[in-house]
């Protein structure tokens, strides 16, 4: 009975403040189940993503070497001739792994919310894992296409990129809760956001601001350590060297800070789910119709 009292109703309209407060309330209620399912489904690809980031950083540092030394022209030639292909292949691999990570992360949290709604406050971890295993390729395609559209928007001009990014933040929720295909979900996101773009933008902007502020705390140790190394390196005879500044202790601190950033991004994803339901309720009145049907059945 207690679970029903504390059950969060997703299917209702919310203003900006309600979306943010209910995001934190949902995570506070279900953080144990969410952490378990994230660890089980997203954990392996998160680890691969972090390793690829770290390896790529090491390769970049090795390629640049004493980039800030007096022999800067020689270092640039060395960088472009010896490491250009390595940089390119490494960047492509990082992009693919990152897209896979974010697609699974969004899918995991959306399916967790779906399970929470269907089971009236309980998240079935096995059920969520099975659904993701069955549909992961669709999520990857959706994330990849959405990313391409946003990047093209930013290349054309900054404002189109921002405009496109807002509706496309909802595509995973649309695919899961409306059971639509990849292109259908992308198309429907613009219909859903119509007449509510500014409210959606400010909601996402504020949530991202909170996210970046919180995640920067976890990057402070690496930043402080690199600043200290820069001061020491500047006083040495060899001058400032990337390899001296960004050594193994820095890489470890950066690894841990980046991992915390990735996990904290879950708060942003949950807020987009609440935003989806709020906009969906304004457009389709799904929750209101269900409430009326339930009243009729109870009568």
Protein backbone atom coordinates (compact mmCIF):
# COMPACT_ATOMS: atom_id res chain seq x y z
CA UNK A 1 0.00 0.00 0.00
CA UNK A 2 2.90 2.30 0.78
CA UNK A 3 4.24 1.86 -2.74
CA UNK A 4 0.97 3.16 -4.23
CA UNK A 5 1.07 6.23 -1.99
CA UNK A 6 4.60 7.11 -3.19
CA UNK A 7 3.98 6.10 -6.82
CA UNK A 8 4.99 8.85 -9.24
CA UNK A 9 2.43 9.47 -11.97
CA UNK A 10 4.34 10.04 -15.21
CA UNK A 11 1.26 10.55 -17.37
CA UNK A 12 0.40 14.12 -16.51
CA UNK A 13 1.31 17.66 -17.55
CA UNK A 14 4.18 19.28 -15.65
CA UNK A 15 5.80 22.68 -15.62
CA UNK A 16 9.56 23.17 -15.60
CA UNK A 17 9.89 23.08 -11.80
CA UNK A 18 7.78 19.93 -11.49
CA UNK A 19 9.82 18.12 -14.13
CA UNK A 20 13.06 18.88 -12.30
CA UNK A 21 11.72 18.05 -8.81
CA UNK A 22 10.09 14.80 -9.97
CA UNK A 23 13.29 13.79 -11.77
CA UNK A 24 15.20 13.89 -8.49
CA UNK A 25 12.28 12.27 -6.62
CA UNK A 26 12.15 9.34 -9.06
CA UNK A 27 15.90 8.75 -8.85
CA UNK A 28 15.85 9.05 -5.06
CA UNK A 29 13.10 6.41 -4.87
CA UNK A 30 14.63 3.98 -7.36
CA UNK A 31 18.39 4.58 -7.33
CA UNK A 32 19.18 1.01 -6.20
CA UNK A 33 17.26 -0.65 -9.03
CA UNK A 34 18.49 1.91 -11.55
CA UNK A 35 22.11 1.42 -10.51
CA UNK A 36 21.79 -2.36 -10.80
CA UNK A 37 20.31 -2.27 -14.28
CA UNK A 38 22.78 0.39 -15.46
CA UNK A 39 25.66 -1.71 -14.09
CA UNK A 40 24.34 -4.83 -15.80
CA UNK A 41 23.39 -3.40 -19.20
CA UNK A 42 25.38 -0.19 -19.63
CA UNK A 43 28.41 -1.05 -17.45
CA UNK A 44 30.41 -3.06 -20.05
CA UNK A 45 30.00 -0.50 -22.84
CA UNK A 46 30.71 2.32 -20.36
CA UNK A 47 33.99 0.64 -19.44
CA UNK A 48 34.86 0.21 -23.14
CA UNK A 49 34.03 3.87 -23.78
CA UNK A 50 36.23 5.05 -20.91
CA UNK A 51 39.12 2.83 -22.02
CA UNK A 52 38.84 4.09 -25.61
CA UNK A 53 38.87 7.69 -24.36
CA UNK A 54 41.92 7.04 -22.20
CA UNK A 55 43.82 5.18 -24.93
CA UNK A 56 43.05 7.91 -27.43
CA UNK A 57 44.30 10.54 -24.99
CA UNK A 58 47.56 8.61 -24.55
CA UNK A 59 48.01 8.37 -28.33
CA UNK A 60 47.33 12.11 -28.70
CA UNK A 61 49.88 12.94 -26.02
CA UNK A 62 52.42 10.63 -27.60
CA UNK A 63 51.82 12.24 -30.98
CA UNK A 64 52.07 15.79 -29.75
CA UNK A 65 55.05 15.17 -27.49
CA UNK A 66 56.70 18.48 -26.70
CA UNK A 67 54.18 20.35 -28.82
CA UNK A 68 54.69 23.54 -26.86
CA UNK A 69 58.47 23.42 -27.12
CA UNK A 70 60.52 25.68 -29.46
CA UNK A 71 60.54 22.92 -32.13
CA UNK A 72 56.82 23.44 -32.78
CA UNK A 73 57.00 23.15 -36.60
CA UNK A 74 58.85 19.84 -36.38
CA UNK A 75 56.31 18.56 -33.88
CA UNK A 76 53.40 19.51 -36.17
CA UNK A 77 55.02 17.66 -39.09
CA UNK A 78 55.62 14.64 -36.88
CA UNK A 79 52.02 14.74 -35.68
CA UNK A 80 50.48 14.89 -39.16
CA UNK A 81 52.81 12.38 -40.83
CA UNK A 82 53.08 9.63 -38.20
CA UNK A 83 49.85 9.82 -36.24
CA UNK A 84 47.19 11.19 -38.60
CA UNK A 85 45.74 7.76 -39.48
CA UNK A 86 45.90 6.63 -35.85
CA UNK A 87 44.01 9.75 -34.78
CA UNK A 88 41.38 9.25 -37.47
CA UNK A 89 40.78 5.56 -36.73
CA UNK A 90 40.76 6.22 -33.01
CA UNK A 91 38.24 9.02 -33.40
CA UNK A 92 35.92 6.86 -35.53
CA UNK A 93 36.09 4.07 -32.97
CA UNK A 94 35.34 6.51 -30.13
CA UNK A 95 32.34 7.91 -32.00
CA UNK A 96 30.87 4.46 -32.61
CA UNK A 97 31.41 3.36 -29.01
CA UNK A 98 30.00 6.64 -27.66
CA UNK A 99 26.87 6.37 -29.82
CA UNK A 100 26.36 2.79 -28.63
CA UNK A 101 26.82 3.84 -25.00
CA UNK A 102 24.34 6.71 -25.14
CA UNK A 103 21.78 4.65 -27.10
CA UNK A 104 21.90 1.88 -24.46
CA UNK A 105 21.83 4.41 -21.61
CA UNK A 106 18.73 6.15 -22.96
CA UNK A 107 17.05 2.82 -23.71
CA UNK A 108 17.85 1.42 -20.26
CA UNK A 109 16.33 4.34 -18.38
CA UNK A 110 13.29 4.59 -20.66
CA UNK A 111 12.57 0.88 -20.31
CA UNK A 112 13.09 1.20 -16.55
CA UNK A 113 10.43 3.90 -16.41
CA UNK A 114 8.14 1.75 -18.56
CA UNK A 115 8.63 -1.15 -16.15
CA UNK A 116 8.02 1.19 -13.21
CA UNK A 117 4.70 2.31 -14.69
CA UNK A 118 3.52 -1.16 -15.71
CA UNK A 119 4.48 -2.77 -12.39
CA UNK A 120 3.10 0.13 -10.31
CA UNK A 121 6.32 1.31 -8.72
CA UNK A 122 8.63 -1.68 -9.20
CA UNK A 123 11.36 -1.97 -11.84
CA UNK A 124 11.78 -5.50 -13.23
CA UNK A 125 15.50 -5.57 -14.02
CA UNK A 126 15.40 -8.85 -15.98
CA UNK A 127 12.54 -7.61 -18.12
CA UNK A 128 14.38 -4.38 -18.93
CA UNK A 129 17.57 -6.26 -19.86
CA UNK A 130 15.66 -8.61 -22.20
CA UNK A 131 13.96 -5.75 -24.03
CA UNK A 132 17.26 -3.94 -24.56
CA UNK A 133 18.96 -7.12 -25.77
CA UNK A 134 16.19 -7.61 -28.31
CA UNK A 135 16.01 -4.01 -29.58
CA UNK A 136 19.55 -2.62 -29.14
CA UNK A 137 20.22 -2.28 -32.89
CA UNK A 138 17.17 -0.01 -33.34
CA UNK A 139 18.39 2.19 -30.50
CA UNK A 140 21.83 2.43 -32.09
CA UNK A 141 20.34 3.47 -35.46
CA UNK A 142 18.13 6.04 -33.76
CA UNK A 143 21.03 7.52 -31.78
CA UNK A 144 23.28 7.60 -34.84
CA UNK A 145 20.72 9.29 -37.11
CA UNK A 146 19.73 11.79 -34.42
CA UNK A 147 23.39 12.62 -33.86
CA UNK A 148 23.95 13.14 -37.59
CA UNK A 149 20.99 15.53 -37.83
CA UNK A 150 22.17 17.55 -34.82
CA UNK A 151 25.77 17.75 -36.07
CA UNK A 152 24.59 18.84 -39.54
CA UNK A 153 22.41 21.48 -37.88
CA UNK A 154 25.39 22.85 -35.97
CA UNK A 155 27.56 22.82 -39.11
CA UNK A 156 24.94 24.75 -41.06
CA UNK A 157 24.63 27.27 -38.25
CA UNK A 158 24.49 27.10 -34.47
CA UNK A 159 20.80 27.93 -34.09
CA UNK A 160 19.48 25.10 -36.36
CA UNK A 161 21.57 22.67 -34.33
CA UNK A 162 20.01 23.81 -31.07
CA UNK A 163 16.51 23.80 -32.59
CA UNK A 164 16.90 20.22 -33.85
CA UNK A 165 18.53 18.94 -30.65
CA UNK A 166 15.51 19.78 -28.47
CA UNK A 167 12.90 17.53 -30.17
CA UNK A 168 15.46 14.81 -30.87
CA UNK A 169 16.13 14.52 -27.14
CA UNK A 170 12.72 12.79 -26.93
CA UNK A 171 13.10 10.20 -29.69
CA UNK A 172 13.93 7.26 -27.42
CA UNK A 173 10.86 7.83 -25.28
CA UNK A 174 8.74 8.10 -28.44
CA UNK A 175 10.15 4.86 -29.86
CA UNK A 176 9.54 2.95 -26.62
CA UNK A 177 6.24 4.34 -25.36
CA UNK A 178 4.61 4.83 -28.78
CA UNK A 179 6.26 1.74 -30.30
CA UNK A 180 7.37 3.63 -33.41
CA UNK A 181 10.21 2.95 -35.83
CA UNK A 182 13.38 4.99 -36.21
CA UNK A 183 12.19 7.52 -38.80
CA UNK A 184 8.69 7.65 -37.32
CA UNK A 185 10.13 8.56 -33.92
CA UNK A 186 12.27 11.34 -35.37
CA UNK A 187 9.36 12.75 -37.35
CA UNK A 188 6.93 12.53 -34.43
CA UNK A 189 9.35 14.34 -32.10
CA UNK A 190 8.86 17.57 -34.08
CA UNK A 191 5.08 17.18 -33.89
CA UNK A 192 5.29 16.60 -30.15
CA UNK A 193 7.46 19.63 -29.52
CA UNK A 194 5.32 21.97 -31.63
CA UNK A 195 4.12 25.05 -29.68
CA UNK A 196 6.19 23.89 -26.67
CA UNK A 197 9.74 24.34 -27.95
CA UNK A 198 10.74 27.15 -25.58
CA UNK A 199 9.47 25.41 -22.47
CA UNK A 200 11.27 22.24 -23.55
CA UNK A 201 14.45 24.17 -24.32
CA UNK A 202 14.55 25.88 -20.92
CA UNK A 203 13.86 22.58 -19.15
CA UNK A 204 16.72 20.83 -20.92
CA UNK A 205 18.99 23.87 -20.59
CA UNK A 206 18.46 24.07 -16.84
CA UNK A 207 18.94 20.33 -16.39
CA UNK A 208 22.15 20.41 -18.43
CA UNK A 209 23.38 23.39 -16.42
CA UNK A 210 22.81 21.45 -13.19
CA UNK A 211 24.48 18.41 -14.73
CA UNK A 212 27.61 20.25 -15.89
CA UNK A 213 27.92 22.05 -12.57
CA UNK A 214 27.70 18.79 -10.62
CA UNK A 215 29.95 16.81 -12.98
CA UNK A 216 32.64 19.53 -12.94
CA UNK A 217 33.18 18.74 -9.25
CA UNK A 218 34.38 15.27 -10.23
CA UNK A 219 36.80 16.73 -12.80
CA UNK A 220 38.37 19.11 -10.29
CA UNK A 221 41.02 16.65 -8.98
CA UNK A 222 42.34 16.03 -12.53
CA UNK A 223 42.26 19.75 -13.35
CA UNK A 224 44.12 20.70 -10.16
CA UNK A 225 46.69 17.95 -10.72
CA UNK A 226 47.33 19.03 -14.34
CA UNK A 227 47.68 22.67 -13.22
CA UNK A 228 50.26 21.65 -10.64
CA UNK A 229 52.18 19.63 -13.25
CA UNK A 230 52.06 22.58 -15.68
CA UNK A 231 53.68 24.86 -13.10
CA UNK A 232 56.39 22.28 -12.38
CA UNK A 233 56.99 21.60 -16.10
CA UNK A 234 57.25 25.32 -16.89
CA UNK A 235 60.18 25.63 -14.46
CA UNK A 236 62.08 22.67 -15.95
CA UNK A 237 64.84 22.98 -18.56
CA UNK A 238 62.82 21.11 -21.21
CA UNK A 239 59.90 23.52 -20.96
CA UNK A 240 56.22 22.61 -20.98
CA UNK A 241 55.54 19.09 -22.26
CA UNK A 242 52.15 17.43 -22.63
CA UNK A 243 53.61 14.08 -21.59
CA UNK A 244 54.90 15.57 -18.34
CA UNK A 245 51.63 17.32 -17.54
CA UNK A 246 49.28 14.47 -18.41
CA UNK A 247 51.00 11.50 -16.79
CA UNK A 248 49.47 8.28 -15.40
CA UNK A 249 48.10 9.79 -12.17
CA UNK A 250 46.32 12.40 -14.30
CA UNK A 251 44.92 9.71 -16.62
CA UNK A 252 43.54 7.78 -13.64
CA UNK A 253 41.95 10.90 -12.14
CA UNK A 254 40.52 11.84 -15.54
CA UNK A 255 39.18 8.28 -15.98
CA UNK A 256 37.33 8.39 -12.66
CA UNK A 257 36.01 11.91 -13.28
CA UNK A 258 34.76 11.00 -16.75
CA UNK A 259 33.05 7.89 -15.38
CA UNK A 260 31.20 10.03 -12.83
CA UNK A 261 30.17 12.43 -15.61
CA UNK A 262 28.70 9.61 -17.68
CA UNK A 263 26.73 8.20 -14.75
CA UNK A 264 25.40 11.62 -13.74
CA UNK A 265 24.04 12.07 -17.26
CA UNK A 266 21.28 9.71 -16.17
CA UNK A 267 19.63 12.69 -14.42
CA UNK A 268 19.36 14.46 -17.79
CA UNK A 269 17.86 11.37 -19.44
CA UNK A 270 15.22 10.96 -16.73
CA UNK A 271 14.25 14.64 -17.14
CA UNK A 272 13.71 14.10 -20.89
CA UNK A 273 11.35 11.20 -20.06
CA UNK A 274 9.28 13.42 -17.78
CA UNK A 275 9.32 16.10 -20.49
CA UNK A 276 8.09 13.55 -23.05
CA UNK A 277 5.17 12.49 -20.87
CA UNK A 278 4.23 16.10 -20.14
CA UNK A 279 4.19 17.01 -23.84
CA UNK A 280 2.43 13.77 -24.75
CA UNK A 281 -0.28 14.52 -22.19
CA UNK A 282 -0.81 17.99 -23.63
CA UNK A 283 -1.18 16.53 -27.11
CA UNK A 284 -2.95 13.21 -26.54
CA UNK A 285 -4.48 13.39 -23.01
CA UNK A 286 -3.48 9.74 -22.47
CA UNK A 287 -3.28 9.96 -18.70
CA UNK A 288 -6.60 11.78 -18.42
CA UNK A 289 -8.39 9.11 -20.49
CA UNK A 290 -6.84 6.33 -18.38
CA UNK A 291 -8.00 8.05 -15.19
CA UNK A 292 -11.57 8.29 -16.53
CA UNK A 293 -11.50 4.62 -17.57
CA UNK A 294 -10.26 3.55 -14.14
CA UNK A 295 -13.01 5.56 -12.44
CA UNK A 296 -15.58 3.82 -14.63
CA UNK A 297 -14.18 0.40 -13.77
CA UNK A 298 -14.14 1.15 -10.04
CA UNK A 299 -17.75 2.29 -10.26
